[in-house]
Amino acid sequence: MKSILRPAFVLLTALTLVCGVLYPFAITGIGQILFADKVTGSLVLRDGQPVGSMLIGQAFSSSGYFWGRPSATGPMPNNAASSGGSNLGPTNPAQIDALKTRIDALRIADPGNTARLPVDLVTASASGLDPEISLAAAYYQAGRIARARKLTIEEVRGMIDKRGKPQYFGFFGEPRVNVLTLNLALDQRR
């Protein structure tokens, strides 16, 4: 029995050290060296303090800020601990009511805007945590933000253009912009 247990215990100890200690420390170290901003959650710092992440959306509601995509996470919007969509179908009455409410809120916030509403401003994503909106959604909000911040619409559009990102690999998705970086840029214009 001793001849069976001893090698099993030695193998268990060796694999625990290699797989449970050495490998995680090595991968974490390599990540810290090569991708320091990514392994720390892609945090955005202002005055040395974290104000958000490039990877998780935040709920902005002031008329002087860009609004992100609606979040279906519970019990609060953009809750990373509860990532997921509503799973409501397009004909579900609760989904239809949520869309009407979101459309009404956008129309009330900017009553003079007769442009077509971009779909990503009224529909929640599958994760509920989208940090980015389409360029069309950002341009749609430019007039409201320009009036609230006493800027020209050209200045706001220029900020969007400067921070816009192209499609992934040139053809996946659509051009987009990170809402947090736009709002931080607006705050720096004070």
Protein backbone atom coordinates (compact mmCIF):
# COMPACT_ATOMS: atom_id res chain seq x y z
CA MET A 1 0.00 0.00 0.00
CA LYS A 2 2.87 2.34 0.86
CA SER A 3 4.34 1.80 -2.61
CA ILE A 4 1.12 3.10 -4.17
CA LEU A 5 0.37 6.03 -1.83
CA ARG A 6 3.81 7.61 -1.84
CA PRO A 7 4.05 8.15 -5.64
CA ALA A 8 0.42 9.31 -5.71
CA PHE A 9 1.08 11.88 -2.97
CA VAL A 10 4.29 13.08 -4.64
CA LEU A 11 2.48 13.45 -7.99
CA LEU A 12 -0.44 15.28 -6.33
CA THR A 13 1.96 17.68 -4.60
CA ALA A 14 4.02 18.27 -7.76
CA LEU A 15 0.96 18.93 -9.95
CA THR A 16 -0.56 21.20 -7.31
CA LEU A 17 2.61 23.28 -7.21
CA VAL A 18 3.00 23.41 -10.98
CA CYS A 19 -0.67 23.92 -11.96
CA GLY A 20 -1.93 25.73 -8.87
CA VAL A 21 1.02 27.98 -8.01
CA LEU A 22 3.80 28.25 -10.60
CA TYR A 23 1.64 28.43 -13.73
CA PRO A 24 -0.79 31.10 -12.39
CA PHE A 25 2.10 33.24 -11.09
CA ALA A 26 3.97 32.91 -14.39
CA ILE A 27 0.94 33.83 -16.50
CA THR A 28 0.06 36.73 -14.20
CA GLY A 29 3.64 38.01 -14.36
CA ILE A 30 3.76 37.78 -18.14
CA GLY A 31 0.40 39.56 -18.34
CA GLN A 32 1.60 42.34 -16.03
CA ILE A 33 4.70 42.86 -18.17
CA LEU A 34 3.16 42.62 -21.65
CA PHE A 35 -0.43 43.82 -21.08
CA ALA A 36 -0.33 45.89 -17.88
CA ASP A 37 -3.43 47.95 -18.66
CA LYS A 38 -5.50 44.94 -19.72
CA VAL A 39 -4.83 42.65 -16.73
CA THR A 40 -5.88 45.40 -14.34
CA GLY A 41 -9.30 45.66 -15.98
CA SER A 42 -8.52 48.40 -18.51
CA LEU A 43 -9.17 50.98 -15.80
CA VAL A 44 -9.52 54.63 -16.75
CA LEU A 45 -7.81 56.96 -14.30
CA ARG A 46 -8.47 60.64 -13.65
CA ASP A 47 -6.11 62.38 -11.25
CA GLY A 48 -4.73 58.96 -10.30
CA GLN A 49 -8.15 57.65 -9.26
CA PRO A 50 -10.12 55.02 -11.19
CA VAL A 51 -13.32 56.42 -12.70
CA GLY A 52 -14.35 53.41 -14.75
CA SER A 53 -13.25 50.74 -17.15
CA MET A 54 -12.91 50.77 -20.91
CA LEU A 55 -14.69 47.40 -20.88
CA ILE A 56 -17.84 48.09 -18.81
CA GLY A 57 -20.47 50.70 -19.58
CA GLN A 58 -21.70 53.25 -17.08
CA ALA A 59 -25.09 54.87 -16.71
CA PHE A 60 -24.96 58.58 -17.57
CA SER A 61 -28.22 60.52 -17.40
CA SER A 62 -27.25 64.22 -17.42
CA SER A 63 -28.09 66.09 -20.61
CA GLY A 64 -24.46 67.26 -20.81
CA TYR A 65 -23.11 63.73 -21.21
CA PHE A 66 -23.28 61.06 -23.87
CA TRP A 67 -25.63 58.27 -22.90
CA GLY A 68 -24.56 54.70 -23.46
CA ARG A 69 -26.52 51.72 -24.52
CA PRO A 70 -29.35 50.71 -22.16
CA SER A 71 -28.48 47.92 -19.75
CA ALA A 72 -30.74 45.02 -18.87
CA THR A 73 -28.64 43.89 -15.90
CA GLY A 74 -30.25 43.79 -12.47
CA PRO A 75 -30.77 45.04 -9.88
CA MET A 76 -29.02 48.14 -11.28
CA PRO A 77 -27.80 49.13 -14.75
CA ASN A 78 -24.32 48.04 -15.87
CA ASN A 79 -23.96 45.58 -13.00
CA ALA A 80 -20.93 43.50 -13.96
CA ALA A 81 -21.84 40.90 -11.33
CA SER A 82 -25.10 40.25 -13.16
CA SER A 83 -24.13 40.39 -16.79
CA GLY A 84 -26.79 39.29 -19.20
CA GLY A 85 -29.62 40.46 -21.39
CA SER A 86 -33.32 40.51 -20.65
CA ASN A 87 -34.01 37.53 -22.94
CA LEU A 88 -37.28 39.17 -23.96
CA GLY A 89 -38.42 38.52 -27.51
CA PRO A 90 -39.26 41.35 -29.92
CA THR A 91 -43.02 40.85 -29.49
CA ASN A 92 -42.96 40.53 -25.70
CA PRO A 93 -45.14 43.31 -24.19
CA ALA A 94 -42.51 44.10 -21.55
CA GLN A 95 -39.89 44.55 -24.29
CA ILE A 96 -42.20 46.78 -26.32
CA ASP A 97 -42.96 48.91 -23.23
CA ALA A 98 -39.23 49.22 -22.42
CA LEU A 99 -38.49 50.36 -25.99
CA LYS A 100 -41.31 52.92 -25.92
CA THR A 101 -40.05 54.27 -22.59
CA ARG A 102 -36.49 54.60 -23.92
CA ILE A 103 -37.66 56.28 -27.12
CA ASP A 104 -39.81 58.72 -25.15
CA ALA A 105 -36.90 59.57 -22.83
CA LEU A 106 -34.64 60.35 -25.80
CA ARG A 107 -37.32 62.47 -27.49
CA ILE A 108 -38.02 64.39 -24.26
CA ALA A 109 -34.31 65.02 -23.66
CA ASP A 110 -33.90 66.49 -27.15
CA PRO A 111 -37.34 67.47 -28.52
CA GLY A 112 -35.97 69.32 -31.54
CA ASN A 113 -34.03 66.33 -32.79
CA THR A 114 -35.99 64.76 -35.64
CA ALA A 115 -33.20 62.45 -36.76
CA ARG A 116 -33.83 58.73 -36.88
CA LEU A 117 -33.04 57.08 -33.55
CA PRO A 118 -30.05 54.70 -33.71
CA VAL A 119 -31.11 51.25 -32.57
CA ASP A 120 -28.31 50.93 -30.01
CA LEU A 121 -29.70 53.84 -28.00
CA VAL A 122 -32.96 52.00 -27.34
CA THR A 123 -32.02 48.31 -27.24
CA ALA A 124 -29.98 46.61 -24.55
CA SER A 125 -27.12 44.33 -25.52
CA ALA A 126 -26.73 40.66 -24.74
CA SER A 127 -24.24 41.39 -21.96
CA GLY A 128 -25.88 44.56 -20.69
CA LEU A 129 -22.42 46.06 -20.21
CA ASP A 130 -21.54 47.67 -23.55
CA PRO A 131 -19.06 50.51 -23.04
CA GLU A 132 -19.35 51.69 -26.65
CA ILE A 133 -22.04 53.11 -28.90
CA SER A 134 -22.15 53.47 -32.65
CA LEU A 135 -20.94 56.69 -34.21
CA ALA A 136 -24.53 57.26 -35.35
CA ALA A 137 -25.69 57.11 -31.71
CA ALA A 138 -23.00 59.57 -30.67
CA TYR A 139 -23.82 61.98 -33.53
CA TYR A 140 -27.52 61.73 -32.63
CA GLN A 141 -26.70 63.11 -29.16
CA ALA A 142 -24.29 65.83 -30.31
CA GLY A 143 -26.87 68.62 -30.47
CA ARG A 144 -28.21 68.01 -26.95
CA ILE A 145 -24.71 67.92 -25.51
CA ALA A 146 -23.60 71.03 -27.43
CA ARG A 147 -26.55 73.01 -26.03
CA ALA A 148 -26.07 71.72 -22.47
CA ARG A 149 -22.33 72.46 -22.48
CA LYS A 150 -22.52 75.67 -24.54
CA LEU A 151 -20.31 74.24 -27.26
CA THR A 152 -20.76 74.27 -31.00
CA ILE A 153 -22.07 71.12 -32.58
CA GLU A 154 -18.89 71.04 -34.69
CA GLU A 155 -16.78 70.87 -31.51
CA VAL A 156 -18.81 67.94 -30.18
CA ARG A 157 -18.71 66.15 -33.53
CA GLY A 158 -14.96 66.73 -33.67
CA MET A 159 -14.59 65.04 -30.28
CA ILE A 160 -16.56 62.07 -31.59
CA ASP A 161 -14.48 61.87 -34.77
CA LYS A 162 -11.22 62.06 -32.81
CA ARG A 163 -12.16 59.17 -30.52
CA GLY A 164 -14.06 57.01 -33.01
CA LYS A 165 -12.83 53.51 -33.77
CA PRO A 166 -13.23 51.71 -37.10
CA GLN A 167 -14.89 48.36 -37.65
CA TYR A 168 -13.06 45.35 -36.24
CA PHE A 169 -10.64 44.06 -38.90
CA GLY A 170 -12.20 46.50 -41.35
CA PHE A 171 -15.51 44.67 -41.77
CA PHE A 172 -16.89 43.29 -38.45
CA GLY A 173 -19.48 45.38 -36.66
CA GLU A 174 -19.69 49.09 -37.21
CA PRO A 175 -17.62 52.13 -36.31
CA ARG A 176 -17.98 52.93 -32.61
CA VAL A 177 -16.82 55.16 -29.77
CA ASN A 178 -16.29 54.58 -26.05
CA VAL A 179 -18.83 56.56 -24.02
CA LEU A 180 -16.61 56.99 -20.94
CA THR A 181 -13.70 58.46 -22.91
CA LEU A 182 -16.06 60.87 -24.67
CA ASN A 183 -17.56 62.04 -21.38
CA LEU A 184 -14.15 62.45 -19.76
CA ALA A 185 -13.06 64.53 -22.77
CA LEU A 186 -16.17 66.70 -22.30
CA ASP A 187 -15.27 67.23 -18.65
CA GLN A 188 -11.76 68.34 -19.61
CA ARG A 189 -13.19 71.06 -21.89
CA ARG A 190 -14.46 73.03 -18.87
